All heavy atoms as atom14 arrays in JSON, in Angstrom:
{
  "sequence": "KALAELLPGFRFMEEHSLTEGMAVFAPIYKLLDKLPTVRNISNKIIV",
  "atom14_mask": [
    [1, 1, 1, 1, 1, 1, 1, 1, 1, 0, 0, 0, 0, 0],
    [1, 1, 1, 1, 1, 0, 0, 0, 0, 0, 0, 0, 0, 0],
    [1, 1, 1, 1, 1, 1, 1, 1, 0, 0, 0, 0, 0, 0],
    [1, 1, 1, 1, 1, 0, 0, 0, 0, 0, 0, 0, 0, 0],
    [1, 1, 1, 1, 1, 1, 1, 1, 1, 0, 0, 0, 0, 0],
    [1, 1, 1, 1, 1, 1, 1, 1, 0, 0, 0, 0, 0, 0],
    [1, 1, 1, 1, 1, 1, 1, 1, 0, 0, 0, 0, 0, 0],
    [1, 1, 1, 1, 1, 1, 1, 0, 0, 0, 0, 0, 0, 0],
    [1, 1, 1, 1, 0, 0, 0, 0, 0, 0, 0, 0, 0, 0],
    [1, 1, 1, 1, 1, 1, 1, 1, 1, 1, 1, 0, 0, 0],
    [1, 1, 1, 1, 1, 1, 1, 1, 1, 1, 1, 0, 0, 0],
    [1, 1, 1, 1, 1, 1, 1, 1, 1, 1, 1, 0, 0, 0],
    [1, 1, 1, 1, 1, 1, 1, 1, 0, 0, 0, 0, 0, 0],
    [1, 1, 1, 1, 1, 1, 1, 1, 1, 0, 0, 0, 0, 0],
    [1, 1, 1, 1, 1, 1, 1, 1, 1, 0, 0, 0, 0, 0],
    [1, 1, 1, 1, 1, 1, 1, 1, 1, 1, 0, 0, 0, 0],
    [1, 1, 1, 1, 1, 1, 0, 0, 0, 0, 0, 0, 0, 0],
    [1, 1, 1, 1, 1, 1, 1, 1, 0, 0, 0, 0, 0, 0],
    [1, 1, 1, 1, 1, 1, 1, 0, 0, 0, 0, 0, 0, 0],
    [1, 1, 1, 1, 1, 1, 1, 1, 1, 0, 0, 0, 0, 0],
    [1, 1, 1, 1, 0, 0, 0, 0, 0, 0, 0, 0, 0, 0],
    [1, 1, 1, 1, 1, 1, 1, 1, 0, 0, 0, 0, 0, 0],
    [1, 1, 1, 1, 1, 0, 0, 0, 0, 0, 0, 0, 0, 0],
    [1, 1, 1, 1, 1, 1, 1, 0, 0, 0, 0, 0, 0, 0],
    [1, 1, 1, 1, 1, 1, 1, 1, 1, 1, 1, 0, 0, 0],
    [1, 1, 1, 1, 1, 0, 0, 0, 0, 0, 0, 0, 0, 0],
    [1, 1, 1, 1, 1, 1, 1, 0, 0, 0, 0, 0, 0, 0],
    [1, 1, 1, 1, 1, 1, 1, 1, 0, 0, 0, 0, 0, 0],
    [1, 1, 1, 1, 1, 1, 1, 1, 1, 1, 1, 1, 0, 0],
    [1, 1, 1, 1, 1, 1, 1, 1, 1, 0, 0, 0, 0, 0],
    [1, 1, 1, 1, 1, 1, 1, 1, 0, 0, 0, 0, 0, 0],
    [1, 1, 1, 1, 1, 1, 1, 1, 0, 0, 0, 0, 0, 0],
    [1, 1, 1, 1, 1, 1, 1, 1, 0, 0, 0, 0, 0, 0],
    [1, 1, 1, 1, 1, 1, 1, 1, 1, 0, 0, 0, 0, 0],
    [1, 1, 1, 1, 1, 1, 1, 1, 0, 0, 0, 0, 0, 0],
    [1, 1, 1, 1, 1, 1, 1, 0, 0, 0, 0, 0, 0, 0],
    [1, 1, 1, 1, 1, 1, 1, 0, 0, 0, 0, 0, 0, 0],
    [1, 1, 1, 1, 1, 1, 1, 0, 0, 0, 0, 0, 0, 0],
    [1, 1, 1, 1, 1, 1, 1, 1, 1, 1, 1, 0, 0, 0],
    [1, 1, 1, 1, 1, 1, 1, 1, 0, 0, 0, 0, 0, 0],
    [1, 1, 1, 1, 1, 1, 1, 1, 0, 0, 0, 0, 0, 0],
    [1, 1, 1, 1, 1, 1, 0, 0, 0, 0, 0, 0, 0, 0],
    [1, 1, 1, 1, 1, 1, 1, 1, 0, 0, 0, 0, 0, 0],
    [1, 1, 1, 1, 1, 1, 1, 1, 1, 0, 0, 0, 0, 0],
    [1, 1, 1, 1, 1, 1, 1, 1, 0, 0, 0, 0, 0, 0],
    [1, 1, 1, 1, 1, 1, 1, 1, 0, 0, 0, 0, 0, 0],
    [1, 1, 1, 1, 1, 1, 1, 0, 0, 0, 0, 0, 0, 0]
  ],
  "atom14_positions": [
    [[9.93, 2.45, -1.44], [11.24, 3.12, -1.49], [12.35, 2.15, -1.07], [13.43, 2.14, -1.67], [11.23, 4.35, -0.58], [10.39, 5.49, -1.14], [10.39, 6.7, -0.24], [9.52, 7.81, -0.85], [9.41, 8.98, 0.03], [0.0, 0.0, 0.0], [0.0, 0.0, 0.0], [0.0, 0.0, 0.0], [0.0, 0.0, 0.0], [0.0, 0.0, 0.0]],
    [[12.06, 1.33, -0.06], [13.06, 0.33, 0.38], [13.3, -0.7, -0.73], [14.44, -1.14, -0.93], [12.57, -0.36, 1.65], [0.0, 0.0, 0.0], [0.0, 0.0, 0.0], [0.0, 0.0, 0.0], [0.0, 0.0, 0.0], [0.0, 0.0, 0.0], [0.0, 0.0, 0.0], [0.0, 0.0, 0.0], [0.0, 0.0, 0.0], [0.0, 0.0, 0.0]],
    [[12.23, -1.08, -1.45], [12.4, -2.04, -2.55], [13.24, -1.44, -3.66], [14.17, -2.09, -4.18], [11.03, -2.45, -3.09], [11.05, -3.44, -4.26], [11.72, -4.76, -3.88], [9.63, -3.7, -4.78], [0.0, 0.0, 0.0], [0.0, 0.0, 0.0], [0.0, 0.0, 0.0], [0.0, 0.0, 0.0], [0.0, 0.0, 0.0], [0.0, 0.0, 0.0]],
    [[12.97, -0.2, -4.04], [13.73, 0.44, -5.11], [15.21, 0.54, -4.77], [16.06, 0.46, -5.67], [13.15, 1.83, -5.4], [0.0, 0.0, 0.0], [0.0, 0.0, 0.0], [0.0, 0.0, 0.0], [0.0, 0.0, 0.0], [0.0, 0.0, 0.0], [0.0, 0.0, 0.0], [0.0, 0.0, 0.0], [0.0, 0.0, 0.0], [0.0, 0.0, 0.0]],
    [[15.53, 0.68, -3.49], [16.94, 0.74, -3.08], [17.68, -0.56, -3.36], [18.91, -0.58, -3.52], [17.04, 1.09, -1.59], [16.71, 2.55, -1.29], [16.64, 2.84, 0.2], [17.01, 1.95, 1.01], [16.2, 3.95, 0.56], [0.0, 0.0, 0.0], [0.0, 0.0, 0.0], [0.0, 0.0, 0.0], [0.0, 0.0, 0.0], [0.0, 0.0, 0.0]],
    [[16.94, -1.67, -3.41], [17.54, -2.98, -3.72], [17.73, -3.2, -5.21], [18.38, -4.15, -5.62], [16.64, -4.1, -3.19], [16.49, -4.32, -1.69], [15.53, -5.46, -1.43], [17.85, -4.6, -1.05], [0.0, 0.0, 0.0], [0.0, 0.0, 0.0], [0.0, 0.0, 0.0], [0.0, 0.0, 0.0], [0.0, 0.0, 0.0], [0.0, 0.0, 0.0]],
    [[17.12, -2.33, -6.03], [17.0, -2.61, -7.46], [17.58, -1.47, -8.3], [16.87, -0.55, -8.71], [15.52, -2.82, -7.83], [14.78, -3.88, -7.01], [13.29, -3.82, -7.29], [15.34, -5.27, -7.3], [0.0, 0.0, 0.0], [0.0, 0.0, 0.0], [0.0, 0.0, 0.0], [0.0, 0.0, 0.0], [0.0, 0.0, 0.0], [0.0, 0.0, 0.0]],
    [[18.88, -1.5, -8.58], [19.5, -0.46, -9.39], [18.81, -0.34, -10.75], [18.49, -1.34, -11.39], [20.95, -0.95, -9.55], [21.16, -1.92, -8.44], [19.83, -2.55, -8.18], [0.0, 0.0, 0.0], [0.0, 0.0, 0.0], [0.0, 0.0, 0.0], [0.0, 0.0, 0.0], [0.0, 0.0, 0.0], [0.0, 0.0, 0.0], [0.0, 0.0, 0.0]],
    [[18.58, 0.89, -11.17], [17.98, 1.11, -12.49], [16.46, 1.16, -12.48], [15.84, 1.35, -13.52], [0.0, 0.0, 0.0], [0.0, 0.0, 0.0], [0.0, 0.0, 0.0], [0.0, 0.0, 0.0], [0.0, 0.0, 0.0], [0.0, 0.0, 0.0], [0.0, 0.0, 0.0], [0.0, 0.0, 0.0], [0.0, 0.0, 0.0], [0.0, 0.0, 0.0]],
    [[15.86, 0.98, -11.29], [14.4, 1.05, -11.19], [14.0, 2.18, -10.26], [14.62, 2.39, -9.22], [13.83, -0.29, -10.68], [13.94, -1.39, -11.7], [15.09, -2.17, -11.76], [12.91, -1.64, -12.6], [15.22, -3.18, -12.69], [13.03, -2.64, -13.54], [14.17, -3.41, -13.6], [0.0, 0.0, 0.0], [0.0, 0.0, 0.0], [0.0, 0.0, 0.0]],
    [[12.98, 2.91, -10.67], [12.53, 4.08, -9.91], [11.18, 3.78, -9.26], [10.26, 3.27, -9.9], [12.39, 5.26, -10.87], [12.01, 6.57, -10.21], [12.13, 7.75, -11.17], [11.15, 7.7, -12.25], [11.44, 7.45, -13.52], [12.7, 7.2, -13.88], [10.51, 7.45, -14.44], [0.0, 0.0, 0.0], [0.0, 0.0, 0.0], [0.0, 0.0, 0.0]],
    [[11.07, 4.11, -7.98], [9.8, 3.96, -7.26], [8.84, 5.06, -7.71], [9.19, 6.24, -7.71], [10.04, 4.05, -5.75], [8.77, 4.22, -4.95], [7.83, 3.2, -4.88], [8.53, 5.39, -4.26], [6.66, 3.36, -4.14], [7.37, 5.56, -3.51], [6.43, 4.53, -3.46], [0.0, 0.0, 0.0], [0.0, 0.0, 0.0], [0.0, 0.0, 0.0]],
    [[7.61, 4.65, -8.09], [6.61, 5.61, -8.56], [5.52, 5.85, -7.52], [5.22, 6.97, -7.16], [5.99, 5.12, -9.87], [7.0, 4.86, -10.98], [7.98, 6.33, -11.4], [6.73, 7.37, -12.15], [0.0, 0.0, 0.0], [0.0, 0.0, 0.0], [0.0, 0.0, 0.0], [0.0, 0.0, 0.0], [0.0, 0.0, 0.0], [0.0, 0.0, 0.0]],
    [[4.9, 4.77, -7.06], [3.81, 4.88, -6.09], [3.56, 3.5, -5.51], [4.09, 2.5, -6.01], [2.53, 5.42, -6.74], [2.0, 4.53, -7.87], [0.81, 5.15, -8.59], [0.75, 6.39, -8.69], [-0.05, 4.39, -9.06], [0.0, 0.0, 0.0], [0.0, 0.0, 0.0], [0.0, 0.0, 0.0], [0.0, 0.0, 0.0], [0.0, 0.0, 0.0]],
    [[2.73, 3.45, -4.47], [2.34, 2.16, -3.92], [0.89, 2.22, -3.47], [0.37, 3.29, -3.13], [3.26, 1.73, -2.78], [3.24, 2.64, -1.57], [4.33, 2.28, -0.56], [5.28, 1.57, -0.9], [4.2, 2.77, 0.59], [0.0, 0.0, 0.0], [0.0, 0.0, 0.0], [0.0, 0.0, 0.0], [0.0, 0.0, 0.0], [0.0, 0.0, 0.0]],
    [[0.27, 1.07, -3.48], [-1.14, 0.95, -3.11], [-1.29, -0.16, -2.09], [-0.89, -1.31, -2.34], [-2.0, 0.63, -4.35], [-1.94, 1.71, -5.38], [-2.84, 2.74, -5.43], [-1.06, 1.92, -6.39], [-2.53, 3.54, -6.43], [-1.44, 3.07, -7.03], [0.0, 0.0, 0.0], [0.0, 0.0, 0.0], [0.0, 0.0, 0.0], [0.0, 0.0, 0.0]],
    [[-1.84, 0.18, -0.94], [-2.12, -0.83, 0.08], [-3.33, -1.65, -0.35], [-4.27, -1.14, -0.98], [-2.4, -0.15, 1.41], [-2.91, -1.07, 2.34], [0.0, 0.0, 0.0], [0.0, 0.0, 0.0], [0.0, 0.0, 0.0], [0.0, 0.0, 0.0], [0.0, 0.0, 0.0], [0.0, 0.0, 0.0], [0.0, 0.0, 0.0], [0.0, 0.0, 0.0]],
    [[-3.33, -2.94, -0.01], [-4.5, -3.76, -0.33], [-5.73, -3.35, 0.45], [-6.84, -3.8, 0.15], [-4.19, -5.25, -0.1], [-3.16, -5.9, -1.02], [-3.32, -7.41, -1.03], [-3.2, -5.36, -2.44], [0.0, 0.0, 0.0], [0.0, 0.0, 0.0], [0.0, 0.0, 0.0], [0.0, 0.0, 0.0], [0.0, 0.0, 0.0], [0.0, 0.0, 0.0]],
    [[-5.56, -2.47, 1.45], [-6.73, -1.92, 2.14], [-7.64, -1.18, 1.15], [-8.85, -1.1, 1.36], [-6.32, -0.97, 3.28], [-5.4, 0.0, 2.77], [-5.67, -1.72, 4.42], [0.0, 0.0, 0.0], [0.0, 0.0, 0.0], [0.0, 0.0, 0.0], [0.0, 0.0, 0.0], [0.0, 0.0, 0.0], [0.0, 0.0, 0.0], [0.0, 0.0, 0.0]],
    [[-7.07, -0.67, 0.07], [-7.88, 0.0, -0.96], [-8.86, -0.98, -1.59], [-10.0, -0.63, -1.88], [-6.97, 0.61, -2.04], [-6.07, 1.72, -1.55], [-5.09, 2.2, -2.61], [-5.39, 2.06, -3.83], [-4.02, 2.72, -2.25], [0.0, 0.0, 0.0], [0.0, 0.0, 0.0], [0.0, 0.0, 0.0], [0.0, 0.0, 0.0], [0.0, 0.0, 0.0]],
    [[-8.4, -2.2, -1.82], [-9.28, -3.23, -2.36], [-10.26, -3.74, -1.31], [-11.44, -3.99, -1.62], [0.0, 0.0, 0.0], [0.0, 0.0, 0.0], [0.0, 0.0, 0.0], [0.0, 0.0, 0.0], [0.0, 0.0, 0.0], [0.0, 0.0, 0.0], [0.0, 0.0, 0.0], [0.0, 0.0, 0.0], [0.0, 0.0, 0.0], [0.0, 0.0, 0.0]],
    [[-9.78, -3.88, -0.08], [-10.66, -4.34, 1.01], [-11.85, -3.42, 1.19], [-12.97, -3.85, 1.49], [-9.87, -4.43, 2.32], [-8.75, -5.44, 2.34], [-9.31, -7.14, 2.47], [-9.76, -7.22, 4.2], [0.0, 0.0, 0.0], [0.0, 0.0, 0.0], [0.0, 0.0, 0.0], [0.0, 0.0, 0.0], [0.0, 0.0, 0.0], [0.0, 0.0, 0.0]],
    [[-11.63, -2.12, 1.0], [-12.7, -1.13, 1.21], [-13.87, -1.33, 0.27], [-14.99, -0.91, 0.56], [-12.12, 0.28, 1.06], [0.0, 0.0, 0.0], [0.0, 0.0, 0.0], [0.0, 0.0, 0.0], [0.0, 0.0, 0.0], [0.0, 0.0, 0.0], [0.0, 0.0, 0.0], [0.0, 0.0, 0.0], [0.0, 0.0, 0.0], [0.0, 0.0, 0.0]],
    [[-13.64, -1.99, -0.86], [-14.72, -2.22, -1.84], [-15.79, -3.16, -1.28], [-16.98, -2.97, -1.51], [-14.14, -2.79, -3.16], [-15.25, -3.22, -4.12], [-13.23, -1.75, -3.81], [0.0, 0.0, 0.0], [0.0, 0.0, 0.0], [0.0, 0.0, 0.0], [0.0, 0.0, 0.0], [0.0, 0.0, 0.0], [0.0, 0.0, 0.0], [0.0, 0.0, 0.0]],
    [[-15.36, -4.17, -0.49], [-16.34, -5.15, 0.02], [-16.46, -5.15, 1.55], [-17.32, -5.83, 2.1], [-16.03, -6.57, -0.49], [-14.64, -7.06, -0.17], [-14.35, -7.7, 1.04], [-13.62, -6.92, -1.09], [-13.08, -8.15, 1.32], [-12.32, -7.37, -0.82], [-12.07, -7.99, 0.4], [0.0, 0.0, 0.0], [0.0, 0.0, 0.0], [0.0, 0.0, 0.0]],
    [[-15.6, -4.39, 2.23], [-15.68, -4.26, 3.69], [-15.55, -2.77, 4.02], [-14.44, -2.27, 4.2], [-14.58, -5.08, 4.36], [0.0, 0.0, 0.0], [0.0, 0.0, 0.0], [0.0, 0.0, 0.0], [0.0, 0.0, 0.0], [0.0, 0.0, 0.0], [0.0, 0.0, 0.0], [0.0, 0.0, 0.0], [0.0, 0.0, 0.0], [0.0, 0.0, 0.0]],
    [[-16.67, -2.06, 4.08], [-16.65, -0.59, 4.21], [-15.82, -0.05, 5.37], [-15.32, 1.07, 5.29], [-18.13, -0.24, 4.37], [-18.86, -1.36, 3.68], [-18.04, -2.58, 3.93], [0.0, 0.0, 0.0], [0.0, 0.0, 0.0], [0.0, 0.0, 0.0], [0.0, 0.0, 0.0], [0.0, 0.0, 0.0], [0.0, 0.0, 0.0], [0.0, 0.0, 0.0]],
    [[-15.63, -0.83, 6.43], [-14.82, -0.37, 7.56], [-13.41, 0.02, 7.11], [-12.77, 0.88, 7.7], [-14.76, -1.45, 8.69], [-14.05, -0.9, 9.94], [-14.08, -2.7, 8.21], [-14.76, 0.2, 10.64], [0.0, 0.0, 0.0], [0.0, 0.0, 0.0], [0.0, 0.0, 0.0], [0.0, 0.0, 0.0], [0.0, 0.0, 0.0], [0.0, 0.0, 0.0]],
    [[-12.94, -0.6, 6.02], [-11.59, -0.31, 5.53], [-11.48, 1.07, 4.9], [-10.37, 1.57, 4.68], [-11.11, -1.4, 4.57], [-10.55, -2.59, 5.31], [-11.37, -3.65, 5.68], [-9.21, -2.64, 5.68], [-10.86, -4.73, 6.4], [-8.69, -3.71, 6.39], [-9.53, -4.75, 6.75], [-9.02, -5.8, 7.46], [0.0, 0.0, 0.0], [0.0, 0.0, 0.0]],
    [[-12.61, 1.7, 4.59], [-12.55, 3.09, 4.13], [-11.99, 3.97, 5.24], [-11.29, 4.95, 4.99], [-13.94, 3.57, 3.71], [-14.42, 2.91, 2.42], [-15.82, 3.35, 2.06], [-16.3, 2.63, 0.81], [-17.71, 2.95, 0.48], [0.0, 0.0, 0.0], [0.0, 0.0, 0.0], [0.0, 0.0, 0.0], [0.0, 0.0, 0.0], [0.0, 0.0, 0.0]],
    [[-12.3, 3.6, 6.49], [-11.74, 4.31, 7.64], [-10.35, 3.8, 7.99], [-9.42, 4.58, 8.22], [-12.67, 4.14, 8.85], [-14.07, 4.77, 8.72], [-14.92, 4.38, 9.92], [-13.97, 6.28, 8.6], [0.0, 0.0, 0.0], [0.0, 0.0, 0.0], [0.0, 0.0, 0.0], [0.0, 0.0, 0.0], [0.0, 0.0, 0.0], [0.0, 0.0, 0.0]],
    [[-10.21, 2.46, 8.02], [-8.92, 1.86, 8.4], [-7.81, 2.25, 7.42], [-6.65, 2.38, 7.81], [-9.05, 0.34, 8.48], [-9.97, -0.2, 9.58], [-10.09, -1.72, 9.48], [-9.47, 0.21, 10.96], [0.0, 0.0, 0.0], [0.0, 0.0, 0.0], [0.0, 0.0, 0.0], [0.0, 0.0, 0.0], [0.0, 0.0, 0.0], [0.0, 0.0, 0.0]],
    [[-8.19, 2.44, 6.15], [-7.21, 2.8, 5.12], [-6.55, 4.15, 5.42], [-5.46, 4.44, 4.94], [-7.91, 2.85, 3.75], [-6.94, 3.13, 2.63], [-5.89, 2.46, 2.58], [-7.21, 4.01, 1.79], [0.0, 0.0, 0.0], [0.0, 0.0, 0.0], [0.0, 0.0, 0.0], [0.0, 0.0, 0.0], [0.0, 0.0, 0.0], [0.0, 0.0, 0.0]],
    [[-7.21, 4.96, 6.23], [-6.66, 6.27, 6.58], [-5.62, 6.19, 7.71], [-4.94, 7.16, 8.0], [-7.78, 7.24, 6.98], [-8.8, 7.49, 5.86], [-9.87, 8.46, 6.32], [-11.02, 8.54, 5.32], [-10.6, 8.93, 3.97], [0.0, 0.0, 0.0], [0.0, 0.0, 0.0], [0.0, 0.0, 0.0], [0.0, 0.0, 0.0], [0.0, 0.0, 0.0]],
    [[-5.54, 5.02, 8.34], [-4.6, 4.84, 9.45], [-3.26, 4.33, 8.92], [-3.2, 3.23, 8.36], [-5.16, 3.85, 10.48], [-6.51, 4.22, 11.12], [-6.99, 3.08, 12.01], [-6.39, 5.52, 11.91], [0.0, 0.0, 0.0], [0.0, 0.0, 0.0], [0.0, 0.0, 0.0], [0.0, 0.0, 0.0], [0.0, 0.0, 0.0], [0.0, 0.0, 0.0]],
    [[-2.18, 5.08, 9.08], [-0.88, 4.66, 8.55], [-0.46, 3.27, 9.01], [0.11, 2.49, 8.25], [0.08, 5.74, 9.07], [-0.78, 6.94, 9.26], [-2.12, 6.41, 9.7], [0.0, 0.0, 0.0], [0.0, 0.0, 0.0], [0.0, 0.0, 0.0], [0.0, 0.0, 0.0], [0.0, 0.0, 0.0], [0.0, 0.0, 0.0], [0.0, 0.0, 0.0]],
    [[-0.75, 2.93, 10.27], [-0.36, 1.62, 10.81], [-1.01, 0.48, 10.02], [-0.36, -0.51, 9.68], [-0.75, 1.49, 12.29], [-0.21, 2.6, 13.0], [-0.22, 0.21, 12.89], [0.0, 0.0, 0.0], [0.0, 0.0, 0.0], [0.0, 0.0, 0.0], [0.0, 0.0, 0.0], [0.0, 0.0, 0.0], [0.0, 0.0, 0.0], [0.0, 0.0, 0.0]],
    [[-2.28, 0.64, 9.72], [-3.01, -0.4, 8.98], [-2.5, -0.48, 7.55], [-2.25, -1.56, 7.01], [-4.54, -0.13, 9.01], [-5.28, -1.16, 8.17], [-5.04, -0.15, 10.44], [0.0, 0.0, 0.0], [0.0, 0.0, 0.0], [0.0, 0.0, 0.0], [0.0, 0.0, 0.0], [0.0, 0.0, 0.0], [0.0, 0.0, 0.0], [0.0, 0.0, 0.0]],
    [[-2.35, 0.68, 6.9], [-1.85, 0.7, 5.52], [-0.45, 0.07, 5.44], [-0.15, -0.68, 4.51], [-1.77, 2.14, 4.99], [-3.11, 2.75, 4.62], [-2.92, 4.12, 3.97], [-2.24, 4.01, 2.69], [-2.87, 3.76, 1.54], [-4.17, 3.58, 1.51], [-2.19, 3.68, 0.42], [0.0, 0.0, 0.0], [0.0, 0.0, 0.0], [0.0, 0.0, 0.0]],
    [[0.39, 0.38, 6.41], [1.77, -0.09, 6.37], [1.89, -1.6, 6.54], [2.77, -2.23, 5.95], [2.6, 0.61, 7.45], [2.84, 2.07, 7.13], [2.67, 2.49, 5.99], [3.2, 2.85, 8.14], [0.0, 0.0, 0.0], [0.0, 0.0, 0.0], [0.0, 0.0, 0.0], [0.0, 0.0, 0.0], [0.0, 0.0, 0.0], [0.0, 0.0, 0.0]],
    [[1.0, -2.17, 7.34], [1.13, -3.61, 7.63], [0.47, -4.47, 6.54], [0.74, -5.66, 6.42], [0.57, -3.93, 9.03], [1.34, -5.11, 9.63], [-0.93, -4.16, 9.01], [1.26, -5.18, 11.13], [0.0, 0.0, 0.0], [0.0, 0.0, 0.0], [0.0, 0.0, 0.0], [0.0, 0.0, 0.0], [0.0, 0.0, 0.0], [0.0, 0.0, 0.0]],
    [[-0.39, -3.85, 5.76], [-1.07, -4.58, 4.68], [-0.09, -4.88, 3.54], [0.9, -4.15, 3.34], [-2.22, -3.72, 4.16], [-2.77, -4.27, 2.99], [0.0, 0.0, 0.0], [0.0, 0.0, 0.0], [0.0, 0.0, 0.0], [0.0, 0.0, 0.0], [0.0, 0.0, 0.0], [0.0, 0.0, 0.0], [0.0, 0.0, 0.0], [0.0, 0.0, 0.0]],
    [[-0.38, -5.94, 2.78], [0.36, -6.16, 1.54], [0.23, -4.93, 0.65], [-0.77, -4.21, 0.7], [-0.17, -7.37, 0.79], [0.35, -8.68, 1.35], [0.72, -8.76, 2.52], [0.35, -9.72, 0.53], [0.0, 0.0, 0.0], [0.0, 0.0, 0.0], [0.0, 0.0, 0.0], [0.0, 0.0, 0.0], [0.0, 0.0, 0.0], [0.0, 0.0, 0.0]],
    [[1.24, -4.71, -0.19], [1.22, -3.55, -1.08], [1.4, -3.97, -2.54], [2.04, -5.0, -2.81], [2.36, -2.59, -0.71], [2.18, -1.9, 0.63], [3.36, -0.99, 0.92], [3.12, -0.2, 2.22], [2.94, -1.09, 3.38], [0.0, 0.0, 0.0], [0.0, 0.0, 0.0], [0.0, 0.0, 0.0], [0.0, 0.0, 0.0], [0.0, 0.0, 0.0]],
    [[0.85, -3.18, -3.42], [1.22, -3.24, -4.84], [2.12, -2.05, -5.09], [1.68, -0.89, -5.0], [-0.02, -3.2, -5.76], [-1.02, -4.32, -5.41], [0.43, -3.3, -7.22], [-0.51, -5.73, -5.53], [0.0, 0.0, 0.0], [0.0, 0.0, 0.0], [0.0, 0.0, 0.0], [0.0, 0.0, 0.0], [0.0, 0.0, 0.0], [0.0, 0.0, 0.0]],
    [[3.37, -2.34, -5.35], [4.36, -1.28, -5.58], [4.55, -1.09, -7.08], [4.69, -2.05, -7.84], [5.7, -1.65, -4.91], [5.5, -1.69, -3.37], [6.8, -0.68, -5.29], [6.68, -2.26, -2.62], [0.0, 0.0, 0.0], [0.0, 0.0, 0.0], [0.0, 0.0, 0.0], [0.0, 0.0, 0.0], [0.0, 0.0, 0.0], [0.0, 0.0, 0.0]],
    [[4.52, 0.17, -7.5], [4.7, 0.51, -8.92], [6.11, 1.04, -9.11], [6.51, 2.03, -8.48], [3.66, 1.56, -9.38], [3.85, 1.88, -10.86], [2.24, 1.05, -9.11], [0.0, 0.0, 0.0], [0.0, 0.0, 0.0], [0.0, 0.0, 0.0], [0.0, 0.0, 0.0], [0.0, 0.0, 0.0], [0.0, 0.0, 0.0], [0.0, 0.0, 0.0]]
  ]
}
């Protein structure tokens, strides 16, 4: 949402924390991904 505010004419759709990818090979991230603090500090893919 903060990124979209910088970019007139673009609409924020969704975002994905890289914890989603981490969970594929490090199962602990299936739990960590549920923690807002961890999700927020991770790199994101913003759509």
